[in-house]
Amino acid sequence: MKARAYVNFALIKYWGKKDEERRLPHQSSLSFTVDKLYTDTLILFDDNLKEDNILINGNINLEAEKRVVNYLNILREELNVKSYVHFSSTNNVPTAAGLASSASSFASIALAFSKEAGLDLSKEELSRLARLGSGSASRSIYSNFAIWKTGNDKTSVAKPLKIDWPEFRIIVLMIDTNKKRASSTNAMEISVKNEELYSNWVKESKLDLELMIKAINQKDIDLVGKIAEKNSNHMHDLIESTKITYKTKDSLKAIKRIEALREKGISAYYTMDAGPNIKIITTTKYVDDILKEFDDIETLVCKSGDEAHIIK
């Protein structure tokens, strides 16, 4: 069975787990699933296999293979499957570059595996399964805007926001697509140990989420952008307190250029995940002006992507 799932970018960030094994977040998060970045995963059960046969982007990658096999073992236990699998996954997104490749990857695995097992799971059940592989993957089950709620193993799932905003866009600035120096998982673990700063982050994120939901419902791009920037900067301040930084000189230069665009009346706001690449939050009205400013950097203009689905 072959499945495709799309990357989602968090406007209100997920950063830190209260349960590492079950990947339960301390705070809820909100994201937008995009159309240009995705992962295709093919899974075939084979009772003759003695172990999983793994190919990622056409190659054997021992580090990535270990994480995939661990997740396949979780799915076998959750769904009562005994078979090993032929597994082939292709990312249409740079891996480990802060572009949410794990979100699309594990969402596609959850869907392909469950369908190969003959199951027709609900979106919420798929979201929970995807979360067990990568927390943010819970949101890539859905198109458009989605909220992943904190809770327990059964209730911490993503759900869609019913927002019709076809003009909404995220422009990705490909600052650096190389593998980042510090993994998100390690940086999260260190951040959570800074109890005072981390507790403030959780409290502020809760308030940011409430404001963001209202702003999206109002389709107020300037308010959405301001809240997203604030939330992103707070997360990176927390990360940088641990002596880890994802912002590069080129990232900071791009941020200055985005701020200069705003001074000209162009609604452009930035958000960054755990990597140097920048996502610009805007609407169709301002896309051309933004692209003119960044004609020296590779860009991707993204609208809403589809929900995770089977490829016939």
Protein backbone atom coordinates (compact mmCIF):
# COMPACT_ATOMS: atom_id res chain seq x y z
CA MET A 1 0.00 0.00 0.00
CA LYS A 2 1.33 3.44 -0.92
CA ALA A 3 0.42 6.61 0.96
CA ARG A 4 1.26 10.29 0.66
CA ALA A 5 1.28 12.82 3.49
CA TYR A 6 2.19 16.49 3.39
CA VAL A 7 4.41 18.63 5.58
CA ASN A 8 2.74 20.93 8.08
CA PHE A 9 4.27 24.11 9.47
CA ALA A 10 3.40 25.12 13.02
CA LEU A 11 2.10 28.63 13.58
CA ILE A 12 1.87 27.86 17.29
CA LYS A 13 4.79 25.57 18.07
CA TYR A 14 5.08 22.15 19.63
CA TRP A 15 8.26 22.11 21.68
CA GLY A 16 8.78 19.60 24.47
CA LYS A 17 7.22 16.35 25.64
CA LYS A 18 5.77 15.40 29.01
CA ASP A 19 5.96 11.73 27.99
CA GLU A 20 8.88 10.80 25.73
CA GLU A 21 7.71 7.25 24.96
CA ARG A 22 4.17 8.18 23.93
CA ARG A 23 5.21 11.56 22.52
CA LEU A 24 2.71 13.58 24.52
CA PRO A 25 3.21 17.35 24.34
CA HIS A 26 3.16 19.79 27.24
CA GLN A 27 1.10 22.24 25.21
CA SER A 28 -1.28 22.23 22.27
CA SER A 29 -0.12 23.47 18.86
CA LEU A 30 -1.60 24.74 15.59
CA SER A 31 -0.32 24.20 12.06
CA PHE A 32 -0.96 24.66 8.36
CA THR A 33 -0.44 21.73 5.96
CA VAL A 34 1.26 22.75 2.69
CA ASP A 35 1.02 21.39 -0.84
CA LYS A 36 4.60 21.52 -2.18
CA LEU A 37 6.38 19.29 0.38
CA TYR A 38 5.38 15.68 1.01
CA THR A 39 6.48 12.09 1.60
CA ASP A 40 5.41 8.96 -0.31
CA THR A 41 5.68 5.65 1.54
CA LEU A 42 5.15 2.15 0.16
CA ILE A 43 4.59 -0.72 2.60
CA LEU A 44 4.06 -4.38 1.66
CA PHE A 45 3.70 -7.18 4.20
CA ASP A 46 5.76 -10.33 3.54
CA ASP A 47 5.46 -13.33 5.83
CA ASN A 48 8.68 -14.74 4.35
CA LEU A 49 10.82 -11.86 5.63
CA LYS A 50 12.90 -12.35 8.78
CA GLU A 51 13.31 -8.59 9.28
CA ASP A 52 12.08 -5.36 7.74
CA ASN A 53 13.54 -4.40 4.37
CA ILE A 54 14.02 -0.61 4.50
CA LEU A 55 14.84 1.87 1.73
CA ILE A 56 14.70 5.62 2.34
CA ASN A 57 15.10 7.92 -0.66
CA GLY A 58 16.41 4.92 -2.58
CA ASN A 59 19.25 4.28 -0.13
CA ILE A 60 20.09 2.40 3.05
CA ASN A 61 20.35 4.93 5.88
CA LEU A 62 21.19 3.14 9.13
CA GLU A 63 20.34 6.07 11.41
CA ALA A 64 16.95 6.68 9.79
CA GLU A 65 16.33 2.95 9.42
CA LYS A 66 16.61 2.42 13.17
CA ARG A 67 13.91 5.01 13.87
CA VAL A 68 11.64 3.57 11.17
CA VAL A 69 12.01 -0.01 12.43
CA ASN A 70 11.27 1.12 15.99
CA TYR A 71 8.10 2.77 14.72
CA LEU A 72 7.09 -0.26 12.65
CA ASN A 73 7.42 -2.35 15.82
CA ILE A 74 5.07 0.09 17.58
CA LEU A 75 2.55 -0.21 14.74
CA ARG A 76 2.76 -4.01 14.79
CA GLU A 77 1.98 -4.00 18.49
CA GLU A 78 -0.78 -1.38 18.23
CA LEU A 79 -2.50 -3.05 15.26
CA ASN A 80 -1.75 -6.69 16.12
CA VAL A 81 0.32 -7.37 13.02
CA LYS A 82 3.06 -10.03 12.92
CA SER A 83 4.53 -9.55 9.44
CA TYR A 84 7.75 -7.79 8.52
CA VAL A 85 7.55 -5.38 5.63
CA HIS A 86 9.12 -4.17 2.42
CA PHE A 87 9.39 -0.45 3.09
CA SER A 88 10.25 2.29 0.62
CA SER A 89 9.87 5.98 1.45
CA THR A 90 10.70 9.04 -0.65
CA ASN A 91 10.84 12.56 0.73
CA ASN A 92 9.99 15.47 -1.55
CA VAL A 93 11.51 17.64 1.18
CA PRO A 94 15.05 18.00 2.57
CA THR A 95 15.47 15.72 5.59
CA ALA A 96 16.45 17.08 9.04
CA ALA A 97 16.67 20.66 7.76
CA GLY A 98 13.87 22.13 9.87
CA LEU A 99 11.30 21.60 7.13
CA ALA A 100 9.12 19.09 9.00
CA SER A 101 10.11 16.03 6.97
CA SER A 102 9.42 13.76 9.95
CA ALA A 103 5.82 15.00 10.11
CA SER A 104 5.00 13.96 6.55
CA SER A 105 7.12 10.81 6.82
CA PHE A 106 5.48 9.27 9.86
CA ALA A 107 1.98 10.33 8.86
CA SER A 108 2.46 8.52 5.53
CA ILE A 109 3.82 5.43 7.33
CA ALA A 110 0.84 5.31 9.70
CA LEU A 111 -1.63 5.47 6.82
CA ALA A 112 0.18 3.02 4.52
CA PHE A 113 0.72 0.47 7.31
CA SER A 114 -2.87 0.58 8.60
CA LYS A 115 -4.31 0.26 5.08
CA GLU A 116 -1.94 -2.63 4.26
CA ALA A 117 -3.28 -4.27 7.43
CA GLY A 118 -6.79 -4.00 5.98
CA LEU A 119 -7.92 -1.35 8.47
CA ASP A 120 -10.00 1.74 7.73
CA LEU A 121 -9.09 3.92 10.68
CA SER A 122 -10.68 7.27 11.49
CA LYS A 123 -8.64 10.44 11.06
CA GLU A 124 -8.30 10.74 14.84
CA GLU A 125 -7.06 7.15 15.13
CA LEU A 126 -4.53 7.79 12.37
CA SER A 127 -3.46 11.02 14.05
CA ARG A 128 -2.76 9.16 17.29
CA LEU A 129 -0.77 6.47 15.47
CA ALA A 130 1.25 9.09 13.57
CA ARG A 131 2.00 10.89 16.85
CA LEU A 132 3.71 7.75 18.16
CA GLY A 133 6.30 8.13 15.38
CA SER A 134 6.69 11.91 15.43
CA GLY A 135 4.60 14.33 17.42
CA SER A 136 4.06 16.81 14.60
CA ALA A 137 3.03 13.95 12.28
CA SER A 138 -0.29 13.92 14.12
CA ARG A 139 -1.17 17.13 12.27
CA SER A 140 -0.10 15.94 8.80
CA ILE A 141 -3.09 13.60 8.63
CA TYR A 142 -5.16 16.71 7.85
CA SER A 143 -5.20 19.38 5.19
CA ASN A 144 -5.32 23.11 5.88
CA PHE A 145 -5.25 24.23 9.54
CA ALA A 146 -5.15 21.69 12.39
CA ILE A 147 -4.77 21.74 16.17
CA TRP A 148 -2.90 19.01 18.02
CA LYS A 149 -4.18 18.95 21.57
CA THR A 150 -2.28 17.98 24.66
CA GLY A 151 -3.80 15.15 26.71
CA ASN A 152 -3.24 11.49 27.40
CA ASP A 153 -2.35 8.66 25.02
CA LYS A 154 -5.93 8.37 23.78
CA THR A 155 -6.92 12.04 23.68
CA SER A 156 -3.75 13.73 22.39
CA VAL A 157 -4.67 13.83 18.71
CA ALA A 158 -4.93 16.48 16.03
CA LYS A 159 -8.24 17.77 14.73
CA PRO A 160 -9.00 20.02 11.76
CA LEU A 161 -10.00 23.66 12.04
CA LYS A 162 -12.91 24.43 9.74
CA ILE A 163 -11.45 27.56 8.17
CA ASP A 164 -12.03 28.55 4.53
CA TRP A 165 -9.14 30.91 3.74
CA PRO A 166 -7.96 30.10 0.20
CA GLU A 167 -5.78 33.23 0.00
CA PHE A 168 -3.53 32.13 2.87
CA ARG A 169 0.04 31.35 1.81
CA ILE A 170 3.33 30.23 3.33
CA ILE A 171 6.48 31.05 1.36
CA VAL A 172 9.44 28.88 2.27
CA LEU A 173 12.87 30.49 2.06
CA MET A 174 15.42 27.73 1.45
CA ILE A 175 18.23 29.29 3.43
CA ASP A 176 20.11 26.02 3.99
CA THR A 177 18.84 22.52 3.14
CA ASN A 178 21.76 20.66 4.74
CA LYS A 179 21.22 18.47 7.79
CA LYS A 180 21.11 20.58 10.93
CA ARG A 181 23.74 20.16 13.64
CA ALA A 182 21.40 19.45 16.57
CA SER A 183 18.34 17.22 16.27
CA SER A 184 14.97 18.55 17.38
CA THR A 185 14.58 15.66 19.82
CA ASN A 186 17.82 16.42 21.64
CA ALA A 187 17.19 20.17 21.70
CA MET A 188 13.68 19.58 23.11
CA GLU A 189 14.97 17.35 25.90
CA ILE A 190 17.50 19.97 26.98
CA SER A 191 14.93 22.79 26.78
CA VAL A 192 12.43 21.03 29.05
CA LYS A 193 15.08 20.69 31.78
CA ASN A 194 15.23 24.49 32.10
CA GLU A 195 12.13 24.42 34.30
CA GLU A 196 11.52 28.13 34.88
CA LEU A 197 11.92 29.21 31.27
CA TYR A 198 10.06 26.16 29.99
CA SER A 199 7.04 26.68 32.28
CA ASN A 200 6.80 30.26 31.01
CA TRP A 201 6.93 28.95 27.43
CA VAL A 202 4.01 26.58 28.08
CA LYS A 203 1.88 29.32 29.67
CA GLU A 204 2.57 31.80 26.87
CA SER A 205 1.90 29.19 24.18
CA LYS A 206 -1.54 28.52 25.63
CA LEU A 207 -2.40 32.22 25.39
CA ASP A 208 -0.89 32.44 21.90
CA LEU A 209 -3.05 29.53 20.74
CA GLU A 210 -6.26 31.14 21.96
CA LEU A 211 -5.40 34.39 20.18
CA MET A 212 -4.31 32.56 17.01
CA ILE A 213 -7.61 30.68 16.69
CA LYS A 214 -9.50 33.98 16.86
CA ALA A 215 -7.14 35.65 14.36
CA ILE A 216 -7.49 32.80 11.84
CA ASN A 217 -11.25 32.86 12.15
CA GLN A 218 -11.17 36.60 11.45
CA LYS A 219 -8.75 36.00 8.53
CA ASP A 220 -6.59 38.80 9.90
CA ILE A 221 -3.21 38.14 8.27
CA ASP A 222 -1.40 40.83 10.27
CA LEU A 223 -2.63 39.50 13.60
CA VAL A 224 -1.92 35.89 12.57
CA GLY A 225 1.58 36.91 11.53
CA LYS A 226 2.35 38.87 14.69
CA ILE A 227 1.23 36.02 16.95
CA ALA A 228 3.18 33.44 14.93
CA GLU A 229 6.35 35.56 15.01
CA LYS A 230 6.06 36.07 18.76
CA ASN A 231 5.54 32.36 19.36
CA SER A 232 8.43 31.39 17.10
CA ASN A 233 10.81 33.88 18.70
CA HIS A 234 9.86 32.70 22.17
CA MET A 235 10.65 29.11 21.19
CA HIS A 236 14.02 30.09 19.74
CA ASP A 237 14.86 32.16 22.84
CA LEU A 238 14.19 29.05 24.90
CA ILE A 239 16.34 26.89 22.61
CA GLU A 240 19.18 29.40 22.62
CA SER A 241 19.22 29.44 26.42
CA THR A 242 20.53 25.86 26.11
CA LYS A 243 23.47 27.05 23.93
CA ILE A 244 21.86 25.49 20.83
CA THR A 245 20.96 27.79 17.97
CA TYR A 246 19.30 27.13 14.64
CA LYS A 247 19.40 30.70 13.34
CA THR A 248 22.30 31.38 10.99
CA LYS A 249 23.68 34.69 9.71
CA ASP A 250 21.68 34.17 6.54
CA SER A 251 18.52 33.49 8.57
CA LEU A 252 18.97 36.76 10.48
CA LYS A 253 19.61 38.72 7.25
CA ALA A 254 16.38 37.32 5.76
CA ILE A 255 14.44 38.30 8.89
CA LYS A 256 15.68 41.90 8.55
CA ARG A 257 14.49 41.93 4.94
CA ILE A 258 11.05 40.63 5.98
CA GLU A 259 10.79 43.37 8.61
CA ALA A 260 11.75 45.95 5.95
CA LEU A 261 8.95 44.68 3.70
CA ARG A 262 6.46 45.33 6.50
CA GLU A 263 7.66 48.91 6.78
CA LYS A 264 6.57 49.27 3.15
CA GLY A 265 3.06 48.05 4.00
CA ILE A 266 3.54 44.46 2.81
CA SER A 267 2.05 41.84 5.13
CA ALA A 268 4.95 39.42 5.54
CA TYR A 269 5.73 37.65 8.80
CA TYR A 270 8.25 34.96 9.63
CA THR A 271 8.23 31.74 11.58
CA MET A 272 11.07 29.25 12.06
CA ASP A 273 11.12 25.67 13.23
CA ALA A 274 14.19 23.79 14.47
CA GLY A 275 16.36 24.70 11.51
CA PRO A 276 17.72 27.72 9.61
CA ASN A 277 14.99 27.90 6.97
CA ILE A 278 12.30 30.57 7.19
CA LYS A 279 8.61 30.40 6.40
CA ILE A 280 6.92 33.66 5.46
CA ILE A 281 3.26 33.97 6.42
CA THR A 282 1.22 36.08 4.01
CA THR A 283 -1.68 36.07 1.54
CA THR A 284 -1.90 35.96 -2.25
CA LYS A 285 -2.13 39.78 -2.33
CA TYR A 286 1.51 40.15 -1.26
CA VAL A 287 3.19 37.10 -2.82
CA ASP A 288 4.63 38.85 -5.89
CA ASP A 289 6.17 41.66 -3.82
CA ILE A 290 7.77 39.16 -1.46
CA LEU A 291 9.18 37.06 -4.29
CA LYS A 292 10.74 40.16 -5.87
CA GLU A 293 12.54 40.88 -2.60
CA PHE A 294 13.86 37.33 -2.36
CA ASP A 295 14.74 36.63 -5.98
CA ASP A 296 18.26 35.65 -4.79
CA ILE A 297 16.99 32.81 -2.58
CA GLU A 298 15.23 29.59 -3.59
CA THR A 299 11.57 29.88 -2.61
CA LEU A 300 8.48 27.70 -2.49
CA VAL A 301 5.04 29.32 -2.48
CA CYS A 302 2.70 26.97 -0.64
CA LYS A 303 -1.05 26.87 -0.35
CA SER A 304 -3.08 24.30 1.58
CA GLY A 305 -2.03 20.70 0.91
CA ASP A 306 -4.29 17.66 0.85
CA GLU A 307 -4.98 15.37 3.77
CA ALA A 308 -2.91 12.19 3.93
CA HIS A 309 -4.22 9.76 1.31
CA ILE A 310 -3.61 6.49 -0.47
CA ILE A 311 -2.01 6.64 -3.92
CA LYS A 312 -3.75 4.20 -6.19
